[in-house]
Amino acid sequence: MRKLTDIEIQTIKDRLDRCLIAYAEIYDELLDHYITALERTTEEEFDRKKEALDDEFSWSIIKQMEKDLQKNAWKELMSASKSSYKIWTLGWEKVGVLILMAVILVPAFHFVGEEYFYLVALMFFVILMGSSVYFNRKKYGFTWSLAPGKHQPKHVMAAMFFGSQGLIFGIIHLSAQLLPKLLLNTPYEHLTPFIFLSLGIMILAYSWLVFTTINLKTFKLIKS
């Protein structure tokens, strides 16, 4: 078994880069698979073997791998979401943060009113998500550029998490818009402040809890 040259390794990376692979797990696993397989060949056989690997992992195969990875990651995220509400398993530090959040948010709710409190909660949600993406952009593979040359594979669990936040945000925000209108001029109108309080805390607590419990694990896709 020989060691590949820098030029050969770069040739492999160039091919993988052209595929615009969505997830870092797939990119890293394919890169390792290519290198391991090609290290068993001579320099003369390199091009032929690489072309065979390119055919084996064609664009359609890679896209199917991405779909399979998304399914596995989504199951992992749902598991993390369920376990995130087991407050007693979080440890004193995280429980302390939740208590501090409640101590701050409840008086703020009474001070600014229910609608403004919800707007403040939305603002903190946007700041939390934006800060998480910005300060972890290299770790998670996020980039602000849409240019193909700037494409960077993302960690699938991070992508699934932030994608789920968009879904959760949409559902909660729709509820915050519709429920108060449905309760208007009804015997249950007095519940409106509690709805805003609950939805505001929910959107913050869910984001923080799940974000601190997701596991950026590596999923094995290529059978040895």
C-alpha atoms as a PDB file:
ATOM      1  CA  MET A   1       0.000   0.000   0.000  1.00  0.00           C
ATOM      2  CA  ARG A   2       1.404   3.370  -1.019  1.00  0.00           C
ATOM      3  CA  LYS A   3       0.735   6.903   0.113  1.00  0.00           C
ATOM      4  CA  LEU A   4      -1.058   9.130  -2.375  1.00  0.00           C
ATOM      5  CA  THR A   5       0.671  12.268  -3.558  1.00  0.00           C
ATOM      6  CA  ASP A   6      -0.731  15.731  -2.817  1.00  0.00           C
ATOM      7  CA  ILE A   7      -1.696  16.089  -6.479  1.00  0.00           C
ATOM      8  CA  GLU A   8      -3.625  12.798  -6.428  1.00  0.00           C
ATOM      9  CA  ILE A   9      -5.458  13.760  -3.254  1.00  0.00           C
ATOM     10  CA  GLN A  10      -6.319  17.148  -4.742  1.00  0.00           C
ATOM     11  CA  THR A  11      -7.636  15.386  -7.857  1.00  0.00           C
ATOM     12  CA  ILE A  12     -10.012  13.412  -5.639  1.00  0.00           C
ATOM     13  CA  LYS A  13     -11.117  16.551  -3.791  1.00  0.00           C
ATOM     14  CA  ASP A  14     -11.710  18.388  -7.058  1.00  0.00           C
ATOM     15  CA  ARG A  15     -14.092  15.661  -8.185  1.00  0.00           C
ATOM     16  CA  LEU A  16     -15.967  15.660  -4.873  1.00  0.00           C
ATOM     17  CA  ASP A  17     -16.170  19.461  -4.919  1.00  0.00           C
ATOM     18  CA  ARG A  18     -17.755  19.371  -8.371  1.00  0.00           C
ATOM     19  CA  CYS A  19     -20.520  17.156  -6.988  1.00  0.00           C
ATOM     20  CA  LEU A  20     -21.593  19.956  -4.592  1.00  0.00           C
ATOM     21  CA  ILE A  21     -22.106  17.427  -1.799  1.00  0.00           C
ATOM     22  CA  ALA A  22     -24.543  18.817   0.757  1.00  0.00           C
ATOM     23  CA  TYR A  23     -23.220  17.208   3.929  1.00  0.00           C
ATOM     24  CA  ALA A  24     -19.774  17.048   5.472  1.00  0.00           C
ATOM     25  CA  GLU A  25     -20.372  13.481   6.692  1.00  0.00           C
ATOM     26  CA  ILE A  26     -20.806  12.224   3.126  1.00  0.00           C
ATOM     27  CA  TYR A  27     -17.907  14.292   1.802  1.00  0.00           C
ATOM     28  CA  ASP A  28     -15.523  13.029   4.495  1.00  0.00           C
ATOM     29  CA  GLU A  29     -16.629   9.420   4.127  1.00  0.00           C
ATOM     30  CA  LEU A  30     -16.279   9.475   0.345  1.00  0.00           C
ATOM     31  CA  LEU A  31     -12.886  11.133   0.584  1.00  0.00           C
ATOM     32  CA  ASP A  32     -11.703   8.456   3.014  1.00  0.00           C
ATOM     33  CA  HIS A  33     -13.185   5.714   0.804  1.00  0.00           C
ATOM     34  CA  TYR A  34     -11.451   7.065  -2.310  1.00  0.00           C
ATOM     35  CA  ILE A  35      -8.083   7.420  -0.587  1.00  0.00           C
ATOM     36  CA  THR A  36      -8.237   3.961   0.995  1.00  0.00           C
ATOM     37  CA  ALA A  37      -9.157   2.323  -2.321  1.00  0.00           C
ATOM     38  CA  LEU A  38      -6.619   4.235  -4.413  1.00  0.00           C
ATOM     39  CA  GLU A  39      -3.773   3.627  -1.999  1.00  0.00           C
ATOM     40  CA  ARG A  40      -4.005  -0.027  -3.035  1.00  0.00           C
ATOM     41  CA  THR A  41      -3.295   0.845  -6.676  1.00  0.00           C
ATOM     42  CA  THR A  42      -0.116   1.770  -8.500  1.00  0.00           C
ATOM     43  CA  GLU A  43       0.396   5.238  -9.976  1.00  0.00           C
ATOM     44  CA  GLU A  44      -0.324   3.828 -13.433  1.00  0.00           C
ATOM     45  CA  GLU A  45      -3.682   2.411 -12.298  1.00  0.00           C
ATOM     46  CA  PHE A  46      -4.729   5.554 -10.408  1.00  0.00           C
ATOM     47  CA  ASP A  47      -6.759   7.193 -13.201  1.00  0.00           C
ATOM     48  CA  ARG A  48      -8.578   3.994 -14.170  1.00  0.00           C
ATOM     49  CA  LYS A  49      -9.484   3.135 -10.590  1.00  0.00           C
ATOM     50  CA  LYS A  50     -10.577   6.694  -9.835  1.00  0.00           C
ATOM     51  CA  GLU A  51     -12.884   6.691 -12.871  1.00  0.00           C
ATOM     52  CA  ALA A  52     -14.391   3.429 -11.638  1.00  0.00           C
ATOM     53  CA  LEU A  53     -15.020   5.028  -8.242  1.00  0.00           C
ATOM     54  CA  ASP A  54     -16.542   8.058  -9.949  1.00  0.00           C
ATOM     55  CA  ASP A  55     -18.967   5.742 -11.744  1.00  0.00           C
ATOM     56  CA  GLU A  56     -19.705   3.852  -8.526  1.00  0.00           C
ATOM     57  CA  PHE A  57     -20.480   7.098  -6.688  1.00  0.00           C
ATOM     58  CA  SER A  58     -22.234   8.994  -9.449  1.00  0.00           C
ATOM     59  CA  TRP A  59     -24.225  12.166  -8.852  1.00  0.00           C
ATOM     60  CA  SER A  60     -27.492  10.208  -8.483  1.00  0.00           C
ATOM     61  CA  ILE A  61     -25.918   7.817  -5.958  1.00  0.00           C
ATOM     62  CA  ILE A  62     -24.588  10.733  -3.912  1.00  0.00           C
ATOM     63  CA  LYS A  63     -28.031  12.394  -3.881  1.00  0.00           C
ATOM     64  CA  GLN A  64     -29.567   9.145  -2.653  1.00  0.00           C
ATOM     65  CA  MET A  65     -26.933   9.018   0.082  1.00  0.00           C
ATOM     66  CA  GLU A  66     -27.940  12.545   1.088  1.00  0.00           C
ATOM     67  CA  LYS A  67     -31.604  11.500   1.336  1.00  0.00           C
ATOM     68  CA  ASP A  68     -30.714   8.459   3.456  1.00  0.00           C
ATOM     69  CA  LEU A  69     -28.563  10.627   5.699  1.00  0.00           C
ATOM     70  CA  GLN A  70     -31.366  13.150   6.127  1.00  0.00           C
ATOM     71  CA  LYS A  71     -33.759  10.383   7.222  1.00  0.00           C
ATOM     72  CA  ASN A  72     -31.298   9.079   9.819  1.00  0.00           C
ATOM     73  CA  ALA A  73     -30.500  12.583  11.034  1.00  0.00           C
ATOM     74  CA  TRP A  74     -34.169  13.510  11.327  1.00  0.00           C
ATOM     75  CA  LYS A  75     -34.810  10.447  13.499  1.00  0.00           C
ATOM     76  CA  GLU A  76     -31.854  11.460  15.659  1.00  0.00           C
ATOM     77  CA  LEU A  77     -33.173  15.012  15.945  1.00  0.00           C
ATOM     78  CA  MET A  78     -36.652  13.834  16.919  1.00  0.00           C
ATOM     79  CA  SER A  79     -35.102  11.621  19.586  1.00  0.00           C
ATOM     80  CA  ALA A  80     -33.108  14.596  20.874  1.00  0.00           C
ATOM     81  CA  SER A  81     -36.235  16.769  20.840  1.00  0.00           C
ATOM     82  CA  LYS A  82     -38.124  14.285  23.024  1.00  0.00           C
ATOM     83  CA  SER A  83     -35.262  13.818  25.480  1.00  0.00           C
ATOM     84  CA  SER A  84     -34.588  17.574  25.653  1.00  0.00           C
ATOM     85  CA  TYR A  85     -37.652  18.073  27.857  1.00  0.00           C
ATOM     86  CA  LYS A  86     -36.315  15.688  30.494  1.00  0.00           C
ATOM     87  CA  ILE A  87     -35.162  18.613  32.591  1.00  0.00           C
ATOM     88  CA  TRP A  88     -33.723  16.407  35.329  1.00  0.00           C
ATOM     89  CA  THR A  89     -31.141  14.967  32.926  1.00  0.00           C
ATOM     90  CA  LEU A  90     -29.681  18.315  31.876  1.00  0.00           C
ATOM     91  CA  GLY A  91     -27.458  18.953  34.888  1.00  0.00           C
ATOM     92  CA  TRP A  92     -27.463  21.862  37.339  1.00  0.00           C
ATOM     93  CA  GLU A  93     -25.843  24.331  34.963  1.00  0.00           C
ATOM     94  CA  LYS A  94     -28.478  24.016  32.218  1.00  0.00           C
ATOM     95  CA  VAL A  95     -31.328  23.829  34.728  1.00  0.00           C
ATOM     96  CA  GLY A  96     -29.956  27.024  36.264  1.00  0.00           C
ATOM     97  CA  VAL A  97     -30.085  28.723  32.866  1.00  0.00           C
ATOM     98  CA  LEU A  98     -33.731  27.711  32.456  1.00  0.00           C
ATOM     99  CA  ILE A  99     -34.620  29.016  35.925  1.00  0.00           C
ATOM    100  CA  LEU A 100     -32.806  32.275  35.194  1.00  0.00           C
ATOM    101  CA  MET A 101     -34.717  32.548  31.904  1.00  0.00           C
ATOM    102  CA  ALA A 102     -38.031  32.132  33.720  1.00  0.00           C
ATOM    103  CA  VAL A 103     -37.036  34.675  36.396  1.00  0.00           C
ATOM    104  CA  ILE A 104     -36.243  37.218  33.671  1.00  0.00           C
ATOM    105  CA  LEU A 105     -39.074  36.471  31.235  1.00  0.00           C
ATOM    106  CA  VAL A 106     -42.056  36.407  33.605  1.00  0.00           C
ATOM    107  CA  PRO A 107     -41.467  39.933  35.060  1.00  0.00           C
ATOM    108  CA  ALA A 108     -40.662  41.146  31.542  1.00  0.00           C
ATOM    109  CA  PHE A 109     -44.018  39.789  30.418  1.00  0.00           C
ATOM    110  CA  HIS A 110     -45.880  41.804  33.076  1.00  0.00           C
ATOM    111  CA  PHE A 111     -43.813  44.913  32.380  1.00  0.00           C
ATOM    112  CA  VAL A 112     -44.063  45.171  28.566  1.00  0.00           C
ATOM    113  CA  GLY A 113     -47.397  43.414  27.981  1.00  0.00           C
ATOM    114  CA  GLU A 114     -48.231  40.212  26.179  1.00  0.00           C
ATOM    115  CA  GLU A 115     -47.841  41.341  22.572  1.00  0.00           C
ATOM    116  CA  TYR A 116     -44.578  43.175  23.122  1.00  0.00           C
ATOM    117  CA  PHE A 117     -43.289  40.246  25.154  1.00  0.00           C
ATOM    118  CA  TYR A 118     -43.918  37.931  22.224  1.00  0.00           C
ATOM    119  CA  LEU A 119     -42.107  40.327  19.887  1.00  0.00           C
ATOM    120  CA  VAL A 120     -39.156  40.403  22.299  1.00  0.00           C
ATOM    121  CA  ALA A 121     -39.177  36.591  22.368  1.00  0.00           C
ATOM    122  CA  LEU A 122     -39.108  36.538  18.563  1.00  0.00           C
ATOM    123  CA  MET A 123     -36.219  39.003  18.575  1.00  0.00           C
ATOM    124  CA  PHE A 124     -34.231  36.808  20.975  1.00  0.00           C
ATOM    125  CA  PHE A 125     -35.070  33.761  18.855  1.00  0.00           C
ATOM    126  CA  VAL A 126     -33.670  35.448  15.736  1.00  0.00           C
ATOM    127  CA  ILE A 127     -30.590  36.608  17.652  1.00  0.00           C
ATOM    128  CA  LEU A 128     -30.052  33.100  19.096  1.00  0.00           C
ATOM    129  CA  MET A 129     -30.333  31.377  15.733  1.00  0.00           C
ATOM    130  CA  GLY A 130     -28.335  34.040  13.891  1.00  0.00           C
ATOM    131  CA  SER A 131     -25.556  34.005  16.466  1.00  0.00           C
ATOM    132  CA  SER A 132     -25.422  30.208  16.485  1.00  0.00           C
ATOM    133  CA  VAL A 133     -25.052  30.094  12.710  1.00  0.00           C
ATOM    134  CA  TYR A 134     -22.536  32.948  12.567  1.00  0.00           C
ATOM    135  CA  PHE A 135     -20.193  31.863  15.362  1.00  0.00           C
ATOM    136  CA  ASN A 136     -20.341  28.188  14.347  1.00  0.00           C
ATOM    137  CA  ARG A 137     -20.325  28.707  10.568  1.00  0.00           C
ATOM    138  CA  LYS A 138     -16.952  26.973  10.141  1.00  0.00           C
ATOM    139  CA  LYS A 139     -17.781  24.136  12.525  1.00  0.00           C
ATOM    140  CA  TYR A 140     -21.145  23.434  10.881  1.00  0.00           C
ATOM    141  CA  GLY A 141     -20.135  24.334   7.329  1.00  0.00           C
ATOM    142  CA  PHE A 142     -22.481  27.288   6.849  1.00  0.00           C
ATOM    143  CA  THR A 143     -21.536  29.985   4.345  1.00  0.00           C
ATOM    144  CA  TRP A 144     -23.266  33.224   3.398  1.00  0.00           C
ATOM    145  CA  SER A 145     -22.201  33.026  -0.250  1.00  0.00           C
ATOM    146  CA  LEU A 146     -24.416  31.457  -2.928  1.00  0.00           C
ATOM    147  CA  ALA A 147     -21.558  31.163  -5.427  1.00  0.00           C
ATOM    148  CA  PRO A 148     -20.844  27.504  -6.414  1.00  0.00           C
ATOM    149  CA  GLY A 149     -17.137  28.058  -5.771  1.00  0.00           C
ATOM    150  CA  LYS A 150     -17.925  28.924  -2.148  1.00  0.00           C
ATOM    151  CA  HIS A 151     -20.041  25.818  -1.563  1.00  0.00           C
ATOM    152  CA  GLN A 152     -19.150  24.018   1.654  1.00  0.00           C
ATOM    153  CA  PRO A 153     -20.689  20.762   2.937  1.00  0.00           C
ATOM    154  CA  LYS A 154     -22.698  21.200   6.139  1.00  0.00           C
ATOM    155  CA  HIS A 155     -22.969  18.914   9.149  1.00  0.00           C
ATOM    156  CA  VAL A 156     -26.285  17.165   8.666  1.00  0.00           C
ATOM    157  CA  MET A 157     -27.465  17.432  12.296  1.00  0.00           C
ATOM    158  CA  ALA A 158     -26.829  21.166  12.305  1.00  0.00           C
ATOM    159  CA  ALA A 159     -28.674  21.561   8.990  1.00  0.00           C
ATOM    160  CA  MET A 160     -31.619  19.482  10.248  1.00  0.00           C
ATOM    161  CA  PHE A 161     -31.749  21.431  13.511  1.00  0.00           C
ATOM    162  CA  PHE A 162     -31.825  24.855  11.908  1.00  0.00           C
ATOM    163  CA  GLY A 163     -34.299  23.599   9.317  1.00  0.00           C
ATOM    164  CA  SER A 164     -36.601  22.353  12.068  1.00  0.00           C
ATOM    165  CA  GLN A 165     -36.377  25.768  13.724  1.00  0.00           C
ATOM    166  CA  GLY A 166     -37.927  27.304  10.634  1.00  0.00           C
ATOM    167  CA  LEU A 167     -40.800  24.830  10.851  1.00  0.00           C
ATOM    168  CA  ILE A 168     -41.294  25.343  14.602  1.00  0.00           C
ATOM    169  CA  PHE A 169     -41.084  29.113  14.171  1.00  0.00           C
ATOM    170  CA  GLY A 170     -43.729  29.029  11.444  1.00  0.00           C
ATOM    171  CA  ILE A 171     -46.172  26.937  13.507  1.00  0.00           C
ATOM    172  CA  ILE A 172     -45.735  28.983  16.693  1.00  0.00           C
ATOM    173  CA  HIS A 173     -45.933  32.328  14.880  1.00  0.00           C
ATOM    174  CA  LEU A 174     -49.076  31.245  13.017  1.00  0.00           C
ATOM    175  CA  SER A 175     -50.616  30.195  16.346  1.00  0.00           C
ATOM    176  CA  ALA A 176     -49.694  33.558  17.877  1.00  0.00           C
ATOM    177  CA  GLN A 177     -51.460  35.342  15.021  1.00  0.00           C
ATOM    178  CA  LEU A 178     -54.596  33.183  14.837  1.00  0.00           C
ATOM    179  CA  LEU A 179     -55.420  32.145  18.422  1.00  0.00           C
ATOM    180  CA  PRO A 180     -55.889  35.664  19.869  1.00  0.00           C
ATOM    181  CA  LYS A 181     -58.201  36.535  16.961  1.00  0.00           C
ATOM    182  CA  LEU A 182     -60.218  33.354  17.456  1.00  0.00           C
ATOM    183  CA  LEU A 183     -60.617  34.096  21.181  1.00  0.00           C
ATOM    184  CA  LEU A 184     -61.576  37.736  20.642  1.00  0.00           C
ATOM    185  CA  ASN A 185     -65.017  38.579  22.091  1.00  0.00           C
ATOM    186  CA  THR A 186     -65.382  35.072  23.536  1.00  0.00           C
ATOM    187  CA  PRO A 187     -65.476  33.894  27.169  1.00  0.00           C
ATOM    188  CA  TYR A 188     -61.902  32.678  26.688  1.00  0.00           C
ATOM    189  CA  GLU A 189     -60.440  36.025  25.628  1.00  0.00           C
ATOM    190  CA  HIS A 190     -58.705  36.329  29.007  1.00  0.00           C
ATOM    191  CA  LEU A 191     -56.432  33.437  27.951  1.00  0.00           C
ATOM    192  CA  THR A 192     -54.728  35.558  25.290  1.00  0.00           C
ATOM    193  CA  PRO A 193     -51.921  36.832  27.589  1.00  0.00           C
ATOM    194  CA  PHE A 194     -51.144  33.277  28.689  1.00  0.00           C
ATOM    195  CA  ILE A 195     -51.010  32.172  25.033  1.00  0.00           C
ATOM    196  CA  PHE A 196     -48.429  34.826  24.206  1.00  0.00           C
ATOM    197  CA  LEU A 197     -46.450  33.993  27.355  1.00  0.00           C
ATOM    198  CA  SER A 198     -46.505  30.255  26.617  1.00  0.00           C
ATOM    199  CA  LEU A 199     -45.633  30.599  22.934  1.00  0.00           C
ATOM    200  CA  GLY A 200     -42.855  33.079  23.658  1.00  0.00           C
ATOM    201  CA  ILE A 201     -41.219  30.855  26.254  1.00  0.00           C
ATOM    202  CA  MET A 202     -41.782  27.764  24.097  1.00  0.00           C
ATOM    203  CA  ILE A 203     -39.995  29.181  21.066  1.00  0.00           C
ATOM    204  CA  LEU A 204     -36.984  30.122  23.203  1.00  0.00           C
ATOM    205  CA  ALA A 205     -36.858  27.027  25.401  1.00  0.00           C
ATOM    206  CA  TYR A 206     -37.252  24.566  22.516  1.00  0.00           C
ATOM    207  CA  SER A 207     -34.470  26.212  20.535  1.00  0.00           C
ATOM    208  CA  TRP A 208     -32.062  26.285  23.454  1.00  0.00           C
ATOM    209  CA  LEU A 209     -32.837  22.828  24.827  1.00  0.00           C
ATOM    210  CA  VAL A 210     -32.629  20.973  21.536  1.00  0.00           C
ATOM    211  CA  PHE A 211     -29.527  22.891  20.466  1.00  0.00           C
ATOM    212  CA  THR A 212     -27.742  21.799  23.654  1.00  0.00           C
ATOM    213  CA  THR A 213     -28.764  18.144  23.297  1.00  0.00           C
ATOM    214  CA  ILE A 214     -28.287  17.386  19.591  1.00  0.00           C
ATOM    215  CA  ASN A 215     -25.461  15.014  18.862  1.00  0.00           C
ATOM    216  CA  LEU A 216     -23.354  15.901  15.806  1.00  0.00           C
ATOM    217  CA  LYS A 217     -22.691  12.222  15.270  1.00  0.00           C
ATOM    218  CA  THR A 218     -21.271  10.706  12.109  1.00  0.00           C
ATOM    219  CA  PHE A 219     -23.576   8.319  10.252  1.00  0.00           C
ATOM    220  CA  LYS A 220     -21.935   5.460   8.417  1.00  0.00           C
ATOM    221  CA  LEU A 221     -23.345   5.124   4.908  1.00  0.00           C
ATOM    222  CA  ILE A 222     -20.787   3.195   2.873  1.00  0.00           C
ATOM    223  CA  LYS A 223     -20.642  -0.515   3.648  1.00  0.00           C
ATOM    224  CA  SER A 224     -17.088  -1.733   4.071  1.00  0.00           C
END
